[in-house]
C-alpha atoms as a PDB file:
ATOM      1  CA  MET A   1    -206.354   2.463 -84.308  1.00  0.00           C
ATOM      2  CA  GLU A   2    -209.302   1.640 -81.951  1.00  0.00           C
ATOM      3  CA  GLN A   3    -209.604   2.958 -78.454  1.00  0.00           C
ATOM      4  CA  SER A   4    -210.451   0.578 -75.506  1.00  0.00           C
ATOM      5  CA  GLN A   5    -213.808   0.895 -73.865  1.00  0.00           C
ATOM      6  CA  VAL A   6    -212.085   1.667 -70.471  1.00  0.00           C
ATOM      7  CA  ALA A   7    -210.304   4.456 -71.872  1.00  0.00           C
ATOM      8  CA  ALA A   8    -213.294   5.994 -73.534  1.00  0.00           C
ATOM      9  CA  THR A   9    -215.537   6.168 -70.426  1.00  0.00           C
ATOM     10  CA  PRO A  10    -215.200   9.404 -68.527  1.00  0.00           C
ATOM     11  CA  PRO A  11    -214.560   9.025 -64.726  1.00  0.00           C
ATOM     12  CA  GLU A  12    -217.441   8.977 -62.356  1.00  0.00           C
ATOM     13  CA  ARG A  13    -215.644  11.523 -60.121  1.00  0.00           C
ATOM     14  CA  ILE A  14    -212.683  13.527 -59.822  1.00  0.00           C
ATOM     15  CA  ARG A  15    -210.937  14.490 -56.656  1.00  0.00           C
ATOM     16  CA  TYR A  16    -208.463  17.431 -56.216  1.00  0.00           C
ATOM     17  CA  ARG A  17    -206.664  17.897 -52.812  1.00  0.00           C
ATOM     18  CA  LEU A  18    -203.689  19.801 -51.703  1.00  0.00           C
ATOM     19  CA  THR A  19    -200.159  18.589 -52.492  1.00  0.00           C
ATOM     20  CA  SER A  20    -197.964  17.194 -49.848  1.00  0.00           C
ATOM     21  CA  LEU A  21    -195.867  20.368 -49.791  1.00  0.00           C
ATOM     22  CA  GLN A  22    -198.958  22.479 -49.476  1.00  0.00           C
ATOM     23  CA  ARG A  23    -199.966  20.383 -46.585  1.00  0.00           C
ATOM     24  CA  LEU A  24    -196.768  20.655 -44.774  1.00  0.00           C
ATOM     25  CA  LEU A  25    -196.270  24.342 -45.497  1.00  0.00           C
ATOM     26  CA  PRO A  26    -198.180  25.778 -42.451  1.00  0.00           C
ATOM     27  CA  VAL A  27    -196.056  23.945 -39.870  1.00  0.00           C
ATOM     28  CA  LEU A  28    -192.720  24.600 -41.448  1.00  0.00           C
ATOM     29  CA  PRO A  29    -192.354  28.030 -39.819  1.00  0.00           C
ATOM     30  CA  GLY A  30    -192.961  26.717 -36.492  1.00  0.00           C
ATOM     31  CA  PHE A  31    -190.574  24.021 -37.013  1.00  0.00           C
ATOM     32  CA  VAL A  32    -187.837  26.547 -38.085  1.00  0.00           C
ATOM     33  CA  VAL A  33    -188.363  28.597 -35.077  1.00  0.00           C
ATOM     34  CA  VAL A  34    -189.198  26.003 -32.285  1.00  0.00           C
ATOM     35  CA  VAL A  35    -186.427  23.480 -32.927  1.00  0.00           C
ATOM     36  CA  PRO A  36    -183.570  25.934 -33.009  1.00  0.00           C
ATOM     37  CA  SER A  37    -184.901  27.808 -29.932  1.00  0.00           C
ATOM     38  CA  GLN A  38    -185.238  24.552 -28.049  1.00  0.00           C
ATOM     39  CA  THR A  39    -181.717  23.431 -29.035  1.00  0.00           C
ATOM     40  CA  LEU A  40    -180.302  26.803 -27.653  1.00  0.00           C
ATOM     41  CA  LEU A  41    -182.227  26.712 -24.492  1.00  0.00           C
ATOM     42  CA  TRP A  42    -180.884  23.072 -23.935  1.00  0.00           C
ATOM     43  CA  LEU A  43    -177.378  24.192 -24.674  1.00  0.00           C
ATOM     44  CA  ASP A  44    -177.829  27.013 -22.426  1.00  0.00           C
ATOM     45  CA  GLY A  45    -178.058  24.707 -19.364  1.00  0.00           C
ATOM     46  CA  GLU A  46    -181.980  24.434 -18.923  1.00  0.00           C
ATOM     47  CA  SER A  47    -183.118  21.122 -17.762  1.00  0.00           C
ATOM     48  CA  SER A  48    -183.914  18.935 -20.807  1.00  0.00           C
ATOM     49  CA  ASP A  49    -187.418  18.146 -19.359  1.00  0.00           C
ATOM     50  CA  SER A  50    -188.547  21.804 -19.355  1.00  0.00           C
ATOM     51  CA  VAL A  51    -187.467  22.231 -23.117  1.00  0.00           C
ATOM     52  CA  ILE A  52    -187.881  18.940 -24.867  1.00  0.00           C
ATOM     53  CA  VAL A  53    -191.163  17.551 -23.426  1.00  0.00           C
ATOM     54  CA  PRO A  54    -193.349  20.687 -24.207  1.00  0.00           C
ATOM     55  CA  GLY A  55    -191.831  20.696 -27.672  1.00  0.00           C
ATOM     56  CA  LEU A  56    -192.430  17.073 -28.244  1.00  0.00           C
ATOM     57  CA  LEU A  57    -196.258  17.663 -27.031  1.00  0.00           C
ATOM     58  CA  ILE A  58    -196.563  20.547 -29.452  1.00  0.00           C
ATOM     59  CA  TRP A  59    -195.210  18.609 -32.405  1.00  0.00           C
ATOM     60  CA  GLY A  60    -196.641  15.455 -31.493  1.00  0.00           C
ATOM     61  CA  VAL A  61    -200.290  17.039 -31.603  1.00  0.00           C
ATOM     62  CA  LEU A  62    -199.917  19.862 -33.877  1.00  0.00           C
ATOM     63  CA  LEU A  63    -198.064  18.062 -36.945  1.00  0.00           C
ATOM     64  CA  PRO A  64    -200.489  15.088 -37.060  1.00  0.00           C
ATOM     65  CA  LEU A  65    -203.525  17.466 -36.594  1.00  0.00           C
ATOM     66  CA  VAL A  66    -202.444  19.793 -39.450  1.00  0.00           C
ATOM     67  CA  LEU A  67    -201.788  16.902 -41.673  1.00  0.00           C
ATOM     68  CA  ILE A  68    -204.884  14.819 -41.047  1.00  0.00           C
ATOM     69  CA  THR A  69    -206.998  18.173 -41.213  1.00  0.00           C
ATOM     70  CA  SER A  70    -205.701  19.411 -44.430  1.00  0.00           C
ATOM     71  CA  ARG A  71    -205.882  15.989 -46.156  1.00  0.00           C
ATOM     72  CA  ARG A  72    -209.570  16.509 -46.472  1.00  0.00           C
ATOM     73  CA  PHE A  73    -209.345  19.958 -48.049  1.00  0.00           C
ATOM     74  CA  GLY A  74    -210.259  19.992 -51.683  1.00  0.00           C
ATOM     75  CA  VAL A  75    -213.112  19.450 -54.029  1.00  0.00           C
ATOM     76  CA  THR A  76    -214.724  16.321 -55.504  1.00  0.00           C
ATOM     77  CA  LEU A  77    -216.574  16.610 -58.919  1.00  0.00           C
ATOM     78  CA  THR A  78    -219.451  14.359 -59.598  1.00  0.00           C
ATOM     79  CA  PRO A  79    -221.933  14.432 -62.402  1.00  0.00           C
ATOM     80  CA  SER A  80    -224.581  16.196 -60.439  1.00  0.00           C
ATOM     81  CA  ALA A  81    -222.577  18.416 -57.991  1.00  0.00           C
ATOM     82  CA  ALA A  82    -219.210  19.766 -56.946  1.00  0.00           C
ATOM     83  CA  ILE A  83    -218.537  18.800 -53.234  1.00  0.00           C
ATOM     84  CA  ALA A  84    -216.410  21.374 -51.508  1.00  0.00           C
ATOM     85  CA  HIS A  85    -214.311  19.855 -48.666  1.00  0.00           C
ATOM     86  CA  ASN A  86    -213.328  23.049 -46.612  1.00  0.00           C
ATOM     87  CA  PHE A  87    -213.732  22.865 -43.057  1.00  0.00           C
ATOM     88  CA  ARG A  88    -217.363  21.845 -43.591  1.00  0.00           C
ATOM     89  CA  ARG A  89    -218.467  19.803 -46.458  1.00  0.00           C
ATOM     90  CA  ARG A  90    -220.826  21.531 -48.994  1.00  0.00           C
ATOM     91  CA  THR A  91    -222.565  20.305 -51.943  1.00  0.00           C
ATOM     92  CA  ILE A  92    -223.175  22.750 -54.841  1.00  0.00           C
ATOM     93  CA  PRO A  93    -225.319  21.341 -57.659  1.00  0.00           C
ATOM     94  CA  TRP A  94    -223.860  22.207 -61.088  1.00  0.00           C
ATOM     95  CA  SER A  95    -227.451  23.654 -62.116  1.00  0.00           C
ATOM     96  CA  ASN A  96    -226.948  26.416 -59.490  1.00  0.00           C
ATOM     97  CA  VAL A  97    -223.428  27.470 -60.528  1.00  0.00           C
ATOM     98  CA  GLN A  98    -223.050  30.607 -62.596  1.00  0.00           C
ATOM     99  CA  ALA A  99    -219.445  30.920 -62.968  1.00  0.00           C
ATOM    100  CA  ILE A 100    -216.178  29.400 -61.915  1.00  0.00           C
ATOM    101  CA  GLN A 101    -213.087  31.819 -61.726  1.00  0.00           C
ATOM    102  CA  ILE A 102    -209.575  32.090 -60.422  1.00  0.00           C
ATOM    103  CA  GLU A 103    -209.100  34.778 -57.685  1.00  0.00           C
ATOM    104  CA  SER A 104    -205.964  35.936 -55.959  1.00  0.00           C
ATOM    105  CA  LEU A 105    -205.858  36.298 -52.301  1.00  0.00           C
ATOM    106  CA  LEU A 106    -202.590  37.318 -50.424  1.00  0.00           C
ATOM    107  CA  GLY A 107    -200.475  36.038 -53.316  1.00  0.00           C
ATOM    108  CA  SER A 108    -202.256  32.642 -53.559  1.00  0.00           C
ATOM    109  CA  ARG A 109    -204.436  31.855 -56.719  1.00  0.00           C
ATOM    110  CA  THR A 110    -207.621  29.816 -55.763  1.00  0.00           C
ATOM    111  CA  VAL A 111    -210.768  28.672 -57.601  1.00  0.00           C
ATOM    112  CA  VAL A 112    -213.926  30.246 -56.688  1.00  0.00           C
ATOM    113  CA  ILE A 113    -217.469  28.919 -57.651  1.00  0.00           C
ATOM    114  CA  TYR A 114    -220.317  31.568 -57.897  1.00  0.00           C
ATOM    115  CA  GLU A 115    -223.813  30.529 -57.305  1.00  0.00           C
ATOM    116  CA  ALA A 116    -227.065  31.895 -58.681  1.00  0.00           C
ATOM    117  CA  GLY A 117    -228.232  32.728 -55.224  1.00  0.00           C
ATOM    118  CA  GLY A 118    -225.221  35.171 -54.638  1.00  0.00           C
ATOM    119  CA  ARG A 119    -223.192  32.661 -52.738  1.00  0.00           C
ATOM    120  CA  ARG A 120    -219.566  32.200 -53.532  1.00  0.00           C
ATOM    121  CA  THR A 121    -217.361  29.526 -52.390  1.00  0.00           C
ATOM    122  CA  ARG A 122    -213.499  29.637 -52.419  1.00  0.00           C
ATOM    123  CA  LEU A 123    -212.112  26.126 -52.905  1.00  0.00           C
ATOM    124  CA  ARG A 124    -209.064  25.273 -50.655  1.00  0.00           C
ATOM    125  CA  ALA A 125    -207.833  22.887 -53.324  1.00  0.00           C
ATOM    126  CA  PRO A 126    -206.673  23.311 -56.044  1.00  0.00           C
ATOM    127  CA  MET A 127    -204.664  26.486 -55.285  1.00  0.00           C
ATOM    128  CA  SER A 128    -201.186  27.792 -56.067  1.00  0.00           C
ATOM    129  CA  GLY A 129    -199.061  30.365 -54.447  1.00  0.00           C
ATOM    130  CA  PHE A 130    -195.478  31.674 -54.095  1.00  0.00           C
ATOM    131  CA  LEU A 131    -194.282  28.875 -51.853  1.00  0.00           C
ATOM    132  CA  SER A 132    -196.994  26.337 -52.286  1.00  0.00           C
ATOM    133  CA  TRP A 133    -196.798  26.184 -56.100  1.00  0.00           C
ATOM    134  CA  ASP A 134    -199.046  23.560 -57.795  1.00  0.00           C
ATOM    135  CA  HIS A 135    -197.585  22.846 -61.470  1.00  0.00           C
ATOM    136  CA  SER A 136    -201.001  21.556 -62.752  1.00  0.00           C
ATOM    137  CA  PHE A 137    -203.197  24.435 -61.202  1.00  0.00           C
ATOM    138  CA  GLU A 138    -204.265  25.794 -64.637  1.00  0.00           C
ATOM    139  CA  GLU A 139    -205.065  22.276 -65.825  1.00  0.00           C
ATOM    140  CA  LYS A 140    -207.289  21.507 -62.648  1.00  0.00           C
ATOM    141  CA  PHE A 141    -208.921  24.730 -63.048  1.00  0.00           C
ATOM    142  CA  HIS A 142    -209.912  24.064 -66.552  1.00  0.00           C
ATOM    143  CA  THR A 143    -211.025  20.606 -65.658  1.00  0.00           C
ATOM    144  CA  ILE A 144    -213.339  21.894 -62.997  1.00  0.00           C
ATOM    145  CA  GLY A 145    -214.675  24.508 -65.544  1.00  0.00           C
ATOM    146  CA  ARG A 146    -215.226  21.842 -68.239  1.00  0.00           C
ATOM    147  CA  TRP A 147    -216.981  19.622 -65.732  1.00  0.00           C
ATOM    148  CA  TRP A 148    -219.523  22.244 -64.920  1.00  0.00           C
ATOM    149  CA  LEU A 149    -220.035  23.159 -68.543  1.00  0.00           C
ATOM    150  CA  ASP A 150    -220.491  19.274 -69.340  1.00  0.00           C
ATOM    151  CA  HIS A 151    -222.844  18.727 -66.459  1.00  0.00           C
ATOM    152  CA  ARG A 152    -224.986  21.718 -65.784  1.00  0.00           C
ATOM    153  CA  GLY A 153    -227.811  20.337 -67.710  1.00  0.00           C
ATOM    154  CA  PRO A 154    -229.990  21.467 -70.560  1.00  0.00           C
ATOM    155  CA  ASP A 155    -232.414  23.578 -68.149  1.00  0.00           C
ATOM    156  CA  TRP A 156    -229.530  25.761 -67.023  1.00  0.00           C
ATOM    157  CA  VAL A 157    -230.134  29.448 -67.470  1.00  0.00           C
ATOM    158  CA  PRO A 158    -227.609  32.250 -66.937  1.00  0.00           C
ATOM    159  CA  VAL A 159    -228.491  34.744 -64.129  1.00  0.00           C
ATOM    160  CA  PRO A 160    -227.445  38.175 -65.333  1.00  0.00           C
ATOM    161  CA  PRO A 161    -225.541  40.162 -63.012  1.00  0.00           C
ATOM    162  CA  PRO A 162    -227.494  43.073 -61.530  1.00  0.00           C
ATOM    163  CA  GLY A 163    -226.793  46.501 -63.179  1.00  0.00           C
ATOM    164  CA  VAL A 164    -224.902  48.868 -61.118  1.00  0.00           C
ATOM    165  CA  TRP A 165    -225.827  52.480 -61.567  1.00  0.00           C
ATOM    166  CA  TRP A 166    -223.067  55.047 -61.516  1.00  0.00           C
ATOM    167  CA  GLY A 167    -222.170  55.763 -57.974  1.00  0.00           C
ATOM    168  CA  GLY A 168    -224.467  53.083 -56.771  1.00  0.00           C
ATOM    169  CA  PRO A 169    -223.637  50.246 -54.245  1.00  0.00           C
ATOM    170  CA  PRO A 170    -221.516  47.440 -55.633  1.00  0.00           C
ATOM    171  CA  ALA A 171    -222.704  43.906 -55.856  1.00  0.00           C
ATOM    172  CA  SER A 172    -222.881  42.205 -52.503  1.00  0.00           C
ATOM    173  CA  HIS A 173    -219.648  40.474 -51.117  1.00  0.00           C
ATOM    174  CA  GLY A 174    -217.909  40.914 -54.532  1.00  0.00           C
ATOM    175  CA  ASN A 175    -220.019  38.416 -56.091  1.00  0.00           C
ATOM    176  CA  PRO A 176    -221.362  39.773 -59.498  1.00  0.00           C
ATOM    177  CA  TYR A 177    -224.083  37.223 -59.488  1.00  0.00           C
ATOM    178  CA  ALA A 178    -225.464  38.363 -56.021  1.00  0.00           C
ATOM    179  CA  PRO A 179    -228.963  39.667 -56.045  1.00  0.00           C
ATOM    180  CA  THR A 180    -229.111  43.370 -55.316  1.00  0.00           C
ATOM    181  CA  VAL A 181    -229.529  44.470 -51.567  1.00  0.00           C
END
């Protein structure tokens, strides 16, 4: 069987973002606390204006703000670089990347990009955790790693981690590829 030309060409870019549940998760605890407390105050006889108006203002501003802001979080893979979309957008050339690993932080697993200069960038997406589970997290991690291996270029040279003497200072910021201080 012959493959079509469209299916044979790799994509120009790949974009990973937070899932819908992961974007809604930060506002759920507030919603669980605020709505029942406002209802109890209203049932207790408080005037409805003092209870409902502030609540509507909070949720009318907070919910769209969180949803719009978190929509940008993620990573875009291009043939020349990984573009990390955190609070600030950052372009990391593939030739500068030394490693891509999974790290755990407070029960969430995230992808971290290590650079030759010692900088490490924790990506906001893809991520996976207890309540914010991403079923395709491992597949996304392997895609990012494969994309780096395929696009880092023929001139890429690994930077060996600095040797740490017994009892000496550890590598800075927990990055094994950071230069010694």
